[in-house]
Amino acid sequence: MNDKQLDALLAQLPTEQQPKRDLWPDIEEQLVDPTVEVTPAEKRRWLAVAALALLTFSSWNFMFKPSDDPDIEIVINIERTAAEQIVANFSLQKNALLKTIAAVGLDISPWQTELILMDSAEQEIQKALTLQPDNQKLLSMLRDLNNKQIQLLNTLIRFTA
């Protein structure tokens, strides 16, 4: 039997088939068990679960309220371009690492030239992204460069500590 013959046979079949008898009484009988009663303890348990869910959802706004400290707040705004989001998140990470370096008192002057070169490369990529904000290659380059800067700072902290 080839595909055309099978399609012809399938086209002859009815698209809908009704049951020979009404099935709802049997289904309802299986769903509703008249011998099962809900005890007051079970009612209280369900009420407690509902109250907890209500409390959780109502306090969601307070738990995830943005911090007033801009150094620890990661903001992703729908109105921002992808490049702006990448730069904002990178800046937060970089500032946190630089604060750690300053707090520990690490001397990173031998690596200062490398960091300055990476910063200037980042600025050039950002300039290009202002002209082509949806250019995926430029966005990828910006992400890679930012990741390399973060890796360098982490390495400096790890090896000079």
Protein backbone atom coordinates (compact mmCIF):
# COMPACT_ATOMS: atom_id res chain seq x y z
CA MET A 1 0.00 0.00 0.00
CA ASN A 2 1.49 3.32 -0.99
CA ASP A 3 0.95 6.76 0.55
CA LYS A 4 -1.78 7.78 -1.89
CA GLN A 5 -3.85 4.69 -1.14
CA LEU A 6 -3.42 5.22 2.60
CA ASP A 7 -4.47 8.87 2.28
CA ALA A 8 -7.57 7.82 0.31
CA LEU A 9 -8.55 5.31 3.00
CA LEU A 10 -7.99 7.84 5.75
CA ALA A 11 -10.16 10.39 3.92
CA GLN A 12 -13.06 7.88 3.91
CA LEU A 13 -13.00 7.52 7.71
CA PRO A 14 -15.42 9.68 9.71
CA THR A 15 -13.73 12.64 11.38
CA GLU A 16 -15.73 12.20 14.57
CA GLN A 17 -17.19 9.22 16.38
CA GLN A 18 -19.84 9.37 19.09
CA PRO A 19 -19.89 6.88 21.98
CA LYS A 20 -22.66 4.28 21.93
CA ARG A 21 -23.96 5.42 25.34
CA ASP A 22 -23.71 8.44 27.67
CA LEU A 23 -20.40 8.17 29.58
CA TRP A 24 -20.79 11.12 31.98
CA PRO A 25 -22.70 9.27 34.74
CA ASP A 26 -19.87 6.71 35.04
CA ILE A 27 -17.23 9.42 35.04
CA GLU A 28 -19.05 11.45 37.68
CA GLU A 29 -19.49 8.37 39.86
CA GLN A 30 -15.74 7.75 39.78
CA LEU A 31 -14.90 11.37 40.55
CA VAL A 32 -17.29 11.98 43.43
CA ASP A 33 -16.95 9.66 46.38
CA PRO A 34 -19.83 10.36 48.81
CA THR A 35 -18.12 8.45 51.62
CA VAL A 36 -15.20 10.89 51.78
CA GLU A 37 -15.75 13.82 54.13
CA VAL A 38 -13.37 16.69 54.60
CA THR A 39 -12.46 16.98 58.27
CA PRO A 40 -12.04 20.33 60.00
CA ALA A 41 -8.30 19.64 60.32
CA GLU A 42 -8.02 19.19 56.55
CA LYS A 43 -9.99 22.39 56.01
CA ARG A 44 -7.61 24.26 58.33
CA ARG A 45 -4.60 22.76 56.54
CA TRP A 46 -5.91 23.94 53.14
CA LEU A 47 -6.76 27.32 54.62
CA ALA A 48 -3.20 27.61 55.97
CA VAL A 49 -1.76 26.68 52.57
CA ALA A 50 -3.95 29.28 50.87
CA ALA A 51 -2.95 31.93 53.43
CA LEU A 52 0.72 31.11 52.95
CA ALA A 53 0.37 31.36 49.18
CA LEU A 54 -1.42 34.69 49.52
CA LEU A 55 1.25 36.00 51.88
CA THR A 56 4.02 34.83 49.55
CA PHE A 57 2.54 36.46 46.48
CA SER A 58 1.63 39.68 48.26
CA SER A 59 5.12 40.06 49.74
CA TRP A 60 6.84 39.26 46.42
CA ASN A 61 7.19 42.98 45.68
CA PHE A 62 8.89 43.64 49.00
CA MET A 63 11.32 40.73 48.78
CA PHE A 64 12.55 41.64 45.31
CA LYS A 65 12.42 45.39 45.68
CA PRO A 66 15.48 46.93 44.00
CA SER A 67 18.20 47.99 46.37
CA ASP A 68 19.05 51.64 46.94
CA ASP A 69 22.74 50.80 46.54
CA PRO A 70 23.50 51.08 42.80
CA ASP A 71 26.66 48.99 43.18
CA ILE A 72 24.77 45.82 44.05
CA GLU A 73 21.64 46.37 41.98
CA ILE A 74 21.55 44.61 38.62
CA VAL A 75 19.00 46.42 36.51
CA ILE A 76 17.60 44.93 33.33
CA ASN A 77 15.24 47.36 31.71
CA ILE A 78 13.23 46.35 28.66
CA GLU A 79 13.79 49.78 27.17
CA ARG A 80 17.56 49.38 27.26
CA THR A 81 19.41 48.11 24.25
CA ALA A 82 21.32 44.85 24.52
CA ALA A 83 24.61 46.76 24.60
CA GLU A 84 23.40 48.99 27.44
CA GLN A 85 22.36 45.93 29.45
CA ILE A 86 25.72 44.25 28.87
CA VAL A 87 27.61 47.40 29.89
CA ALA A 88 25.43 47.99 32.96
CA ASN A 89 25.88 44.44 34.26
CA PHE A 90 29.59 44.48 33.48
CA SER A 91 30.06 47.81 35.26
CA LEU A 92 28.46 46.43 38.40
CA GLN A 93 30.72 43.36 38.36
CA LYS A 94 33.83 45.38 37.58
CA ASN A 95 33.11 47.95 40.31
CA ALA A 96 32.59 45.17 42.87
CA LEU A 97 35.91 43.56 41.92
CA LEU A 98 37.74 46.91 42.01
CA LYS A 99 36.31 47.56 45.48
CA THR A 100 37.57 44.15 46.59
CA ILE A 101 41.01 44.93 45.17
CA ALA A 102 41.06 48.32 46.92
CA ALA A 103 39.82 46.83 50.20
CA VAL A 104 42.54 44.18 50.21
CA GLY A 105 45.12 46.73 49.12
CA LEU A 106 46.37 44.82 46.11
CA ASP A 107 48.88 46.51 43.80
CA ILE A 108 47.59 46.14 40.24
CA SER A 109 49.81 48.80 38.72
CA PRO A 110 51.70 46.24 36.56
CA TRP A 111 48.37 45.35 34.95
CA GLN A 112 47.06 48.89 34.67
CA THR A 113 48.14 49.22 31.01
CA GLU A 114 46.26 46.04 30.10
CA LEU A 115 43.13 47.29 31.86
CA ILE A 116 43.35 50.69 30.12
CA LEU A 117 43.68 49.00 26.72
CA MET A 118 40.65 46.84 27.42
CA ASP A 119 38.65 49.90 28.51
CA SER A 120 39.52 51.77 25.33
CA ALA A 121 38.61 48.72 23.21
CA GLU A 122 35.30 48.54 25.05
CA GLN A 123 34.62 52.21 24.30
CA GLU A 124 35.33 51.67 20.60
CA ILE A 125 32.94 48.72 20.47
CA GLN A 126 30.29 50.82 22.23
CA LYS A 127 30.75 53.58 19.64
CA ALA A 128 30.26 51.07 16.85
CA LEU A 129 27.15 49.73 18.62
CA THR A 130 25.60 53.20 18.66
CA LEU A 131 25.63 53.02 14.86
CA GLN A 132 24.59 49.34 14.67
CA PRO A 133 22.81 48.47 17.94
CA ASP A 134 21.57 45.06 16.72
CA ASN A 135 24.90 43.85 15.34
CA GLN A 136 25.33 40.44 16.97
CA LYS A 137 29.05 40.23 16.21
CA LEU A 138 29.69 43.52 18.00
CA LEU A 139 27.54 42.44 20.95
CA SER A 140 29.47 39.18 21.11
CA MET A 141 32.78 41.06 21.01
CA LEU A 142 31.60 43.32 23.83
CA ARG A 143 30.54 40.32 25.96
CA ASP A 144 33.85 38.55 25.31
CA LEU A 145 35.89 41.62 26.14
CA ASN A 146 33.94 42.20 29.34
CA ASN A 147 34.36 38.55 30.33
CA LYS A 148 38.11 38.81 29.76
CA GLN A 149 38.29 41.91 31.96
CA ILE A 150 36.37 40.14 34.73
CA GLN A 151 38.63 37.08 34.40
CA LEU A 152 41.74 39.27 34.60
CA LEU A 153 40.49 41.03 37.74
CA ASN A 154 39.53 37.71 39.34
CA THR A 155 42.94 36.30 38.48
CA LEU A 156 44.67 39.32 39.99
CA ILE A 157 42.68 38.92 43.19
CA ARG A 158 43.35 35.20 43.37
CA PHE A 159 47.08 35.28 42.65
CA THR A 160 48.06 38.44 44.50
CA ALA A 161 46.07 37.70 47.64
